[in-house]
Amino acid sequence: SDTTDGGLLSFRFTSSGTAASVWNGRDFTLG
Protein backbone atom coordinates (compact mmCIF):
# COMPACT_ATOMS: atom_id res chain seq x y z
CA SER A 1 0.00 0.00 0.00
CA ASP A 2 0.92 3.62 -0.55
CA THR A 3 -0.73 6.99 0.02
CA THR A 4 -1.23 9.82 -2.43
CA ASP A 5 -2.23 13.47 -2.26
CA GLY A 6 -3.50 13.19 -5.82
CA GLY A 7 -1.77 13.44 -9.17
CA LEU A 8 0.30 10.89 -11.10
CA LEU A 9 0.79 7.52 -9.45
CA SER A 10 4.43 6.83 -8.67
CA PHE A 11 5.55 3.58 -10.30
CA ARG A 12 8.01 2.26 -12.87
CA PHE A 13 8.82 -1.05 -14.48
CA THR A 14 12.41 -2.25 -14.80
CA SER A 15 14.07 -5.40 -16.09
CA SER A 16 17.11 -7.11 -14.63
CA GLY A 17 17.98 -8.44 -18.08
CA THR A 18 18.10 -5.13 -19.94
CA ALA A 19 18.64 -1.47 -19.20
CA ALA A 20 15.09 -0.67 -20.26
CA SER A 21 12.53 0.88 -17.94
CA VAL A 22 9.18 2.59 -18.30
CA TRP A 23 7.68 5.14 -15.90
CA ASN A 24 4.13 6.18 -15.31
CA GLY A 25 3.82 9.69 -16.71
CA ARG A 26 6.74 9.43 -19.14
CA ASP A 27 6.05 9.57 -22.87
CA PHE A 28 6.18 6.13 -24.54
CA THR A 29 4.58 4.33 -27.49
CA LEU A 30 3.48 0.80 -28.34
CA GLY A 31 6.83 0.15 -30.04
Full PDB file with SEQRES, HELIX, SHEET, SSBOND, CRYST1, ORIGX, SCALE, CONECT and MASTER records, all heavy atoms in Angstrom:
SEQRES   1 A   31  SER ASP THR THR ASP GLY GLY LEU LEU SER PHE ARG PHE          
SEQRES   2 A   31  THR SER SER GLY THR ALA ALA SER VAL TRP ASN GLY ARG          
SEQRES   3 A   31  ASP PHE THR LEU GLY                                          
SHEET    1 AA1 2 ARG A  12  THR A  14  0                                        
SHEET    2 AA1 2 SER A  21  TRP A  23 -1                                        
CRYST1    1.000    1.000    1.000  90.00  90.00  90.00 P 1           1          
ORIGX1      1.000000  0.000000  0.000000        0.00000                         
ORIGX2      0.000000  1.000000  0.000000        0.00000                         
ORIGX3      0.000000  0.000000  1.000000        0.00000                         
SCALE1      1.000000  0.000000  0.000000        0.00000                         
SCALE2      0.000000  1.000000  0.000000        0.00000                         
SCALE3      0.000000  0.000000  1.000000        0.00000                         
ATOM      1  N   SER A   1       0.824  -1.205   0.000  1.00  0.00           N  
ATOM      2  CA  SER A   1       0.000   0.000   0.000  1.00  0.00           C  
ATOM      3  C   SER A   1       0.857   1.254   0.000  1.00  0.00           C  
ATOM      4  O   SER A   1       2.010   1.255   0.431  1.00  0.00           O  
ATOM      5  CB  SER A   1      -0.932   0.012   1.218  1.00  0.00           C  
ATOM      6  OG  SER A   1      -1.831  -1.075   1.172  1.00  0.00           O  
ATOM      7  N   ASP A   2       0.267   2.326  -0.477  1.00  0.00           N  
ATOM      8  CA  ASP A   2       0.917   3.619  -0.547  1.00  0.00           C  
ATOM      9  C   ASP A   2      -0.168   4.677  -0.392  1.00  0.00           C  
ATOM     10  O   ASP A   2      -1.357   4.386  -0.551  1.00  0.00           O  
ATOM     11  CB  ASP A   2       1.637   3.765  -1.896  1.00  0.00           C  
ATOM     12  CG  ASP A   2       2.611   4.935  -1.937  1.00  0.00           C  
ATOM     13  OD1 ASP A   2       2.931   5.466  -0.860  1.00  0.00           O  
ATOM     14  OD2 ASP A   2       3.035   5.314  -3.038  1.00  0.00           O  
ATOM     15  N   THR A   3       0.220   5.885  -0.064  1.00  0.00           N  
ATOM     16  CA  THR A   3      -0.734   6.990   0.016  1.00  0.00           C  
ATOM     17  C   THR A   3      -0.411   8.018  -1.055  1.00  0.00           C  
ATOM     18  O   THR A   3       0.713   8.081  -1.563  1.00  0.00           O  
ATOM     19  CB  THR A   3      -0.695   7.672   1.397  1.00  0.00           C  
ATOM     20  OG1 THR A   3       0.644   8.144   1.653  1.00  0.00           O  
ATOM     21  CG2 THR A   3      -1.108   6.698   2.484  1.00  0.00           C  
ATOM     22  N   THR A   4      -1.416   8.791  -1.416  1.00  0.00           N  
ATOM     23  CA  THR A   4      -1.227   9.819  -2.425  1.00  0.00           C  
ATOM     24  C   THR A   4      -2.021  11.061  -2.044  1.00  0.00           C  
ATOM     25  O   THR A   4      -3.087  10.966  -1.427  1.00  0.00           O  
ATOM     26  CB  THR A   4      -1.673   9.328  -3.819  1.00  0.00           C  
ATOM     27  OG1 THR A   4      -1.545  10.381  -4.780  1.00  0.00           O  
ATOM     28  CG2 THR A   4      -3.130   8.874  -3.803  1.00  0.00           C  
ATOM     29  N   ASP A   5      -1.504  12.210  -2.408  1.00  0.00           N  
ATOM     30  CA  ASP A   5      -2.231  13.467  -2.256  1.00  0.00           C  
ATOM     31  C   ASP A   5      -2.991  13.815  -3.528  1.00  0.00           C  
ATOM     32  O   ASP A   5      -3.617  14.872  -3.616  1.00  0.00           O  
ATOM     33  CB  ASP A   5      -1.263  14.604  -1.916  1.00  0.00           C  
ATOM     34  CG  ASP A   5      -0.630  14.435  -0.544  1.00  0.00           C  
ATOM     35  OD1 ASP A   5      -1.321  13.912   0.356  1.00  0.00           O  
ATOM     36  OD2 ASP A   5       0.546  14.814  -0.378  1.00  0.00           O  
ATOM     37  N   GLY A   6      -2.913  12.932  -4.505  1.00  0.00           N  
ATOM     38  CA  GLY A   6      -3.502  13.188  -5.817  1.00  0.00           C  
ATOM     39  C   GLY A   6      -2.409  13.402  -6.850  1.00  0.00           C  
ATOM     40  O   GLY A   6      -1.251  13.656  -6.512  1.00  0.00           O  
ATOM     41  N   GLY A   7      -2.750  13.271  -8.109  1.00  0.00           N  
ATOM     42  CA  GLY A   7      -1.773  13.438  -9.173  1.00  0.00           C  
ATOM     43  C   GLY A   7      -1.300  12.093  -9.702  1.00  0.00           C  
ATOM     44  O   GLY A   7      -1.899  11.042  -9.438  1.00  0.00           O  
ATOM     45  N   LEU A   8      -0.211  12.106 -10.471  1.00  0.00           N  
ATOM     46  CA  LEU A   8       0.299  10.891 -11.096  1.00  0.00           C  
ATOM     47  C   LEU A   8       0.693   9.852 -10.055  1.00  0.00           C  
ATOM     48  O   LEU A   8       1.319  10.179  -9.045  1.00  0.00           O  
ATOM     49  CB  LEU A   8       1.507  11.213 -11.972  1.00  0.00           C  
ATOM     50  CG  LEU A   8       1.239  11.959 -13.281  1.00  0.00           C  
ATOM     51  CD1 LEU A   8       2.555  12.345 -13.946  1.00  0.00           C  
ATOM     52  CD2 LEU A   8       0.406  11.095 -14.229  1.00  0.00           C  
ATOM     53  N   LEU A   9       0.340   8.594 -10.307  1.00  0.00           N  
ATOM     54  CA  LEU A   9       0.794   7.517  -9.449  1.00  0.00           C  
ATOM     55  C   LEU A   9       2.288   7.302  -9.675  1.00  0.00           C  
ATOM     56  O   LEU A   9       2.781   7.436 -10.796  1.00  0.00           O  
ATOM     57  CB  LEU A   9       0.038   6.226  -9.764  1.00  0.00           C  
ATOM     58  CG  LEU A   9      -1.312   6.028  -9.059  1.00  0.00           C  
ATOM     59  CD1 LEU A   9      -2.285   7.144  -9.375  1.00  0.00           C  
ATOM     60  CD2 LEU A   9      -1.910   4.675  -9.421  1.00  0.00           C  
ATOM     61  N   SER A  10       2.984   6.969  -8.598  1.00  0.00           N  
ATOM     62  CA  SER A  10       4.428   6.828  -8.673  1.00  0.00           C  
ATOM     63  C   SER A  10       4.813   5.361  -8.844  1.00  0.00           C  
ATOM     64  O   SER A  10       4.840   4.601  -7.875  1.00  0.00           O  
ATOM     65  CB  SER A  10       5.077   7.394  -7.398  1.00  0.00           C  
ATOM     66  OG  SER A  10       6.461   7.119  -7.365  1.00  0.00           O  
ATOM     67  N   PHE A  11       5.060   4.940 -10.077  1.00  0.00           N  
ATOM     68  CA  PHE A  11       5.554   3.583 -10.297  1.00  0.00           C  
ATOM     69  C   PHE A  11       6.354   3.522 -11.590  1.00  0.00           C  
ATOM     70  O   PHE A  11       6.197   4.340 -12.482  1.00  0.00           O  
ATOM     71  CB  PHE A  11       4.421   2.546 -10.307  1.00  0.00           C  
ATOM     72  CG  PHE A  11       3.444   2.674 -11.446  1.00  0.00           C  
ATOM     73  CD1 PHE A  11       3.721   2.144 -12.702  1.00  0.00           C  
ATOM     74  CD2 PHE A  11       2.220   3.302 -11.256  1.00  0.00           C  
ATOM     75  CE1 PHE A  11       2.808   2.235 -13.745  1.00  0.00           C  
ATOM     76  CE2 PHE A  11       1.303   3.406 -12.292  1.00  0.00           C  
ATOM     77  CZ  PHE A  11       1.595   2.868 -13.532  1.00  0.00           C  
ATOM     78  N   ARG A  12       7.229   2.509 -11.667  1.00  0.00           N  
ATOM     79  CA  ARG A  12       8.008   2.263 -12.867  1.00  0.00           C  
ATOM     80  C   ARG A  12       8.298   0.773 -12.992  1.00  0.00           C  
ATOM     81  O   ARG A  12       8.395   0.046 -11.998  1.00  0.00           O  
ATOM     82  CB  ARG A  12       9.332   3.013 -12.848  1.00  0.00           C  
ATOM     83  CG  ARG A  12      10.261   2.587 -11.735  1.00  0.00           C  
ATOM     84  CD  ARG A  12      11.648   3.170 -11.869  1.00  0.00           C  
ATOM     85  NE  ARG A  12      12.493   2.761 -10.756  1.00  0.00           N  
ATOM     86  CZ  ARG A  12      13.819   2.716 -10.815  1.00  0.00           C  
ATOM     87  NH1 ARG A  12      14.444   3.081 -11.911  1.00  0.00           N  
ATOM     88  NH2 ARG A  12      14.513   2.332  -9.765  1.00  0.00           N  
ATOM     89  N   PHE A  13       8.421   0.318 -14.212  1.00  0.00           N  
ATOM     90  CA  PHE A  13       8.817  -1.054 -14.483  1.00  0.00           C  
ATOM     91  C   PHE A  13      10.282  -1.070 -14.893  1.00  0.00           C  
ATOM     92  O   PHE A  13      10.718  -0.207 -15.661  1.00  0.00           O  
ATOM     93  CB  PHE A  13       7.987  -1.642 -15.622  1.00  0.00           C  
ATOM     94  CG  PHE A  13       6.566  -1.956 -15.265  1.00  0.00           C  
ATOM     95  CD1 PHE A  13       5.547  -1.086 -15.601  1.00  0.00           C  
ATOM     96  CD2 PHE A  13       6.244  -3.138 -14.618  1.00  0.00           C  
ATOM     97  CE1 PHE A  13       4.231  -1.382 -15.291  1.00  0.00           C  
ATOM     98  CE2 PHE A  13       4.928  -3.442 -14.302  1.00  0.00           C  
ATOM     99  CZ  PHE A  13       3.917  -2.562 -14.646  1.00  0.00           C  
ATOM    100  N   THR A  14      11.028  -2.049 -14.389  1.00  0.00           N  
ATOM    101  CA  THR A  14      12.412  -2.246 -14.802  1.00  0.00           C  
ATOM    102  C   THR A  14      12.645  -3.726 -15.061  1.00  0.00           C  
ATOM    103  O   THR A  14      11.872  -4.585 -14.606  1.00  0.00           O  
ATOM    104  CB  THR A  14      13.409  -1.765 -13.732  1.00  0.00           C  
ATOM    105  OG1 THR A  14      13.202  -2.516 -12.535  1.00  0.00           O  
ATOM    106  CG2 THR A  14      13.232  -0.276 -13.456  1.00  0.00           C  
ATOM    107  N   SER A  15      13.704  -4.020 -15.792  1.00  0.00           N  
ATOM    108  CA  SER A  15      14.070  -5.400 -16.090  1.00  0.00           C  
ATOM    109  C   SER A  15      15.509  -5.646 -15.663  1.00  0.00           C  
ATOM    110  O   SER A  15      16.388  -4.827 -15.932  1.00  0.00           O  
ATOM    111  CB  SER A  15      13.922  -5.680 -17.593  1.00  0.00           C  
ATOM    112  OG  SER A  15      14.520  -6.919 -17.924  1.00  0.00           O  
ATOM    113  N   SER A  16      15.753  -6.783 -15.026  1.00  0.00           N  
ATOM    114  CA  SER A  16      17.110  -7.114 -14.630  1.00  0.00           C  
ATOM    115  C   SER A  16      17.934  -7.604 -15.820  1.00  0.00           C  
ATOM    116  O   SER A  16      19.151  -7.686 -15.741  1.00  0.00           O  
ATOM    117  CB  SER A  16      17.096  -8.194 -13.545  1.00  0.00           C  
ATOM    118  OG  SER A  16      16.568  -9.401 -14.071  1.00  0.00           O  
ATOM    119  N   GLY A  17      17.281  -7.932 -16.912  1.00  0.00           N  
ATOM    120  CA  GLY A  17      17.980  -8.444 -18.076  1.00  0.00           C  
ATOM    121  C   GLY A  17      18.378  -7.398 -19.087  1.00  0.00           C  
ATOM    122  O   GLY A  17      19.224  -7.647 -19.951  1.00  0.00           O  
ATOM    123  N   THR A  18      17.783  -6.214 -19.012  1.00  0.00           N  
ATOM    124  CA  THR A  18      18.100  -5.128 -19.938  1.00  0.00           C  
ATOM    125  C   THR A  18      18.175  -3.831 -19.151  1.00  0.00           C  
ATOM    126  O   THR A  18      17.856  -3.770 -17.974  1.00  0.00           O  
ATOM    127  CB  THR A  18      17.025  -4.980 -21.033  1.00  0.00           C  
ATOM    128  OG1 THR A  18      15.817  -4.490 -20.427  1.00  0.00           O  
ATOM    129  CG2 THR A  18      16.732  -6.312 -21.713  1.00  0.00           C  
ATOM    130  N   ALA A  19      18.580  -2.789 -19.840  1.00  0.00           N  
ATOM    131  CA  ALA A  19      18.638  -1.469 -19.204  1.00  0.00           C  
ATOM    132  C   ALA A  19      17.326  -0.708 -19.385  1.00  0.00           C  
ATOM    133  O   ALA A  19      17.231   0.454 -19.003  1.00  0.00           O  
ATOM    134  CB  ALA A  19      19.796  -0.658 -19.793  1.00  0.00           C  
ATOM    135  N   ALA A  20      16.345  -1.353 -19.963  1.00  0.00           N  
ATOM    136  CA  ALA A  20      15.087  -0.671 -20.261  1.00  0.00           C  
ATOM    137  C   ALA A  20      14.269  -0.443 -19.000  1.00  0.00           C  
ATOM    138  O   ALA A  20      14.352  -1.195 -18.029  1.00  0.00           O  
ATOM    139  CB  ALA A  20      14.279  -1.488 -21.261  1.00  0.00           C  
ATOM    140  N   SER A  21      13.490   0.615 -19.015  1.00  0.00           N  
ATOM    141  CA  SER A  21      12.530   0.883 -17.943  1.00  0.00           C  
ATOM    142  C   SER A  21      11.417   1.748 -18.519  1.00  0.00           C  
ATOM    143  O   SER A  21      11.591   2.388 -19.556  1.00  0.00           O  
ATOM    144  CB  SER A  21      13.195   1.599 -16.758  1.00  0.00           C  
ATOM    145  OG  SER A  21      13.674   2.864 -17.131  1.00  0.00           O  
ATOM    146  N   VAL A  22      10.293   1.743 -17.874  1.00  0.00           N  
ATOM    147  CA  VAL A  22       9.183   2.587 -18.301  1.00  0.00           C  
ATOM    148  C   VAL A  22       8.498   3.121 -17.053  1.00  0.00           C  
ATOM    149  O   VAL A  22       8.229   2.388 -16.105  1.00  0.00           O  
ATOM    150  CB  VAL A  22       8.197   1.815 -19.210  1.00  0.00           C  
ATOM    151  CG1 VAL A  22       7.591   0.614 -18.508  1.00  0.00           C  
ATOM    152  CG2 VAL A  22       7.094   2.749 -19.718  1.00  0.00           C  
ATOM    153  N   TRP A  23       8.260   4.427 -17.050  1.00  0.00           N  
ATOM    154  CA  TRP A  23       7.678   5.136 -15.905  1.00  0.00           C  
ATOM    155  C   TRP A  23       6.244   5.555 -16.210  1.00  0.00           C  
ATOM    156  O   TRP A  23       5.917   5.908 -17.334  1.00  0.00           O  
ATOM    157  CB  TRP A  23       8.473   6.405 -15.600  1.00  0.00           C  
ATOM    158  CG  TRP A  23       9.871   6.202 -15.145  1.00  0.00           C  
ATOM    159  CD1 TRP A  23      10.931   5.772 -15.900  1.00  0.00           C  
ATOM    160  CD2 TRP A  23      10.385   6.434 -13.838  1.00  0.00           C  
ATOM    161  NE1 TRP A  23      12.075   5.723 -15.157  1.00  0.00           N  
ATOM    162  CE2 TRP A  23      11.767   6.129 -13.868  1.00  0.00           C  
ATOM    163  CE3 TRP A  23       9.824   6.872 -12.638  1.00  0.00           C  
ATOM    164  CZ2 TRP A  23      12.590   6.241 -12.752  1.00  0.00           C  
ATOM    165  CZ3 TRP A  23      10.637   6.988 -11.533  1.00  0.00           C  
ATOM    166  CH2 TRP A  23      12.005   6.680 -11.589  1.00  0.00           C  
ATOM    167  N   ASN A  24       5.447   5.559 -15.185  1.00  0.00           N  
ATOM    168  CA  ASN A  24       4.134   6.182 -15.307  1.00  0.00           C  
ATOM    169  C   ASN A  24       4.308   7.687 -15.463  1.00  0.00           C  
ATOM    170  O   ASN A  24       5.006   8.324 -14.673  1.00  0.00           O  
ATOM    171  CB  ASN A  24       3.296   5.899 -14.063  1.00  0.00           C  
ATOM    172  CG  ASN A  24       1.878   6.425 -14.190  1.00  0.00           C  
ATOM    173  OD1 ASN A  24       1.195   6.169 -15.166  1.00  0.00           O  
ATOM    174  ND2 ASN A  24       1.431   7.164 -13.189  1.00  0.00           N  
ATOM    175  N   GLY A  25       3.714   8.253 -16.484  1.00  0.00           N  
ATOM    176  CA  GLY A  25       3.815   9.692 -16.711  1.00  0.00           C  
ATOM    177  C   GLY A  25       4.883  10.083 -17.708  1.00  0.00           C  
ATOM    178  O   GLY A  25       4.946  11.245 -18.109  1.00  0.00           O  
ATOM    179  N   ARG A  26       5.747   9.140 -18.107  1.00  0.00           N  
ATOM    180  CA  ARG A  26       6.741   9.426 -19.136  1.00  0.00           C  
ATOM    181  C   ARG A  26       6.172   9.059 -20.503  1.00  0.00           C  
ATOM    182  O   ARG A  26       5.454   8.073 -20.655  1.00  0.00           O  
ATOM    183  CB  ARG A  26       8.027   8.619 -18.879  1.00  0.00           C  
ATOM    184  CG  ARG A  26       8.668   8.904 -17.513  1.00  0.00           C  
ATOM    185  CD  ARG A  26       9.613  10.077 -17.571  1.00  0.00           C  
ATOM    186  NE  ARG A  26      10.236  10.322 -16.266  1.00  0.00           N  
ATOM    187  CZ  ARG A  26      11.422   9.839 -15.911  1.00  0.00           C  
ATOM    188  NH1 ARG A  26      12.109   9.070 -16.753  1.00  0.00           N  
ATOM    189  NH2 ARG A  26      11.932  10.118 -14.722  1.00  0.00           N  
ATOM    190  N   ASP A  27       6.550   9.812 -21.521  1.00  0.00           N  
ATOM    191  CA  ASP A  27       6.054   9.574 -22.870  1.00  0.00           C  
ATOM    192  C   ASP A  27       6.602   8.252 -23.414  1.00  0.00           C  
ATOM    193  O   ASP A  27       7.806   8.016 -23.397  1.00  0.00           O  
ATOM    194  CB  ASP A  27       6.476  10.740 -23.773  1.00  0.00           C  
ATOM    195  CG  ASP A  27       5.866  10.652 -25.156  1.00  0.00           C  
ATOM    196  OD1 ASP A  27       4.875   9.911 -25.312  1.00  0.00           O  
ATOM    197  OD2 ASP A  27       6.377  11.311 -26.069  1.00  0.00           O  
ATOM    198  N   PHE A  28       5.743   7.361 -23.882  1.00  0.00           N  
ATOM    199  CA  PHE A  28       6.180   6.132 -24.538  1.00  0.00           C  
ATOM    200  C   PHE A  28       5.106   5.684 -25.517  1.00  0.00           C  
ATOM    201  O   PHE A  28       3.953   6.123 -25.443  1.00  0.00           O  
ATOM    202  CB  PHE A  28       6.495   5.021 -23.533  1.00  0.00           C  
ATOM    203  CG  PHE A  28       5.296   4.492 -22.776  1.00  0.00           C  
ATOM    204  CD1 PHE A  28       4.599   3.392 -23.241  1.00  0.00           C  
ATOM    205  CD2 PHE A  28       4.874   5.079 -21.599  1.00  0.00           C  
ATOM    206  CE1 PHE A  28       3.498   2.899 -22.559  1.00  0.00           C  
ATOM    207  CE2 PHE A  28       3.784   4.598 -20.900  1.00  0.00           C  
ATOM    208  CZ  PHE A  28       3.090   3.500 -21.383  1.00  0.00           C  
ATOM    209  N   THR A  29       5.498   4.816 -26.458  1.00  0.00           N  
ATOM    210  CA  THR A  29       4.582   4.334 -27.487  1.00  0.00           C  
ATOM    211  C   THR A  29       4.548   2.812 -27.479  1.00  0.00           C  
ATOM    212  O   THR A  29       5.333   2.147 -26.794  1.00  0.00           O  
ATOM    213  CB  THR A  29       5.013   4.816 -28.889  1.00  0.00           C  
ATOM    214  OG1 THR A  29       6.285   4.215 -29.212  1.00  0.00           O  
ATOM    215  CG2 THR A  29       5.143   6.329 -28.930  1.00  0.00           C  
ATOM    216  N   LEU A  30       3.654   2.246 -28.268  1.00  0.00           N  
ATOM    217  CA  LEU A  30       3.476   0.801 -28.335  1.00  0.00           C  
ATOM    218  C   LEU A  30       4.753   0.096 -28.771  1.00  0.00           C  
ATOM    219  O   LEU A  30       4.997  -1.053 -28.406  1.00  0.00           O  
ATOM    220  CB  LEU A  30       2.334   0.465 -29.296  1.00  0.00           C  
ATOM    221  CG  LEU A  30       1.885  -0.997 -29.367  1.00  0.00           C  
ATOM    222  CD1 LEU A  30       1.371  -1.482 -28.024  1.00  0.00           C  
ATOM    223  CD2 LEU A  30       0.827  -1.165 -30.448  1.00  0.00           C  
ATOM    224  N   GLY A  31       5.611   0.766 -29.547  1.00  0.00           N  
ATOM    225  CA  GLY A  31       6.827   0.155 -30.044  1.00  0.00           C  
ATOM    226  C   GLY A  31       8.025   0.317 -29.142  1.00  0.00           C  
ATOM    227  O   GLY A  31       9.150   0.009 -29.543  1.00  0.00           O  
TER     228      GLY A  31                                                      
MASTER        0    0    0    0    2    0    0    6  227    1    0    3          
END                                                                             
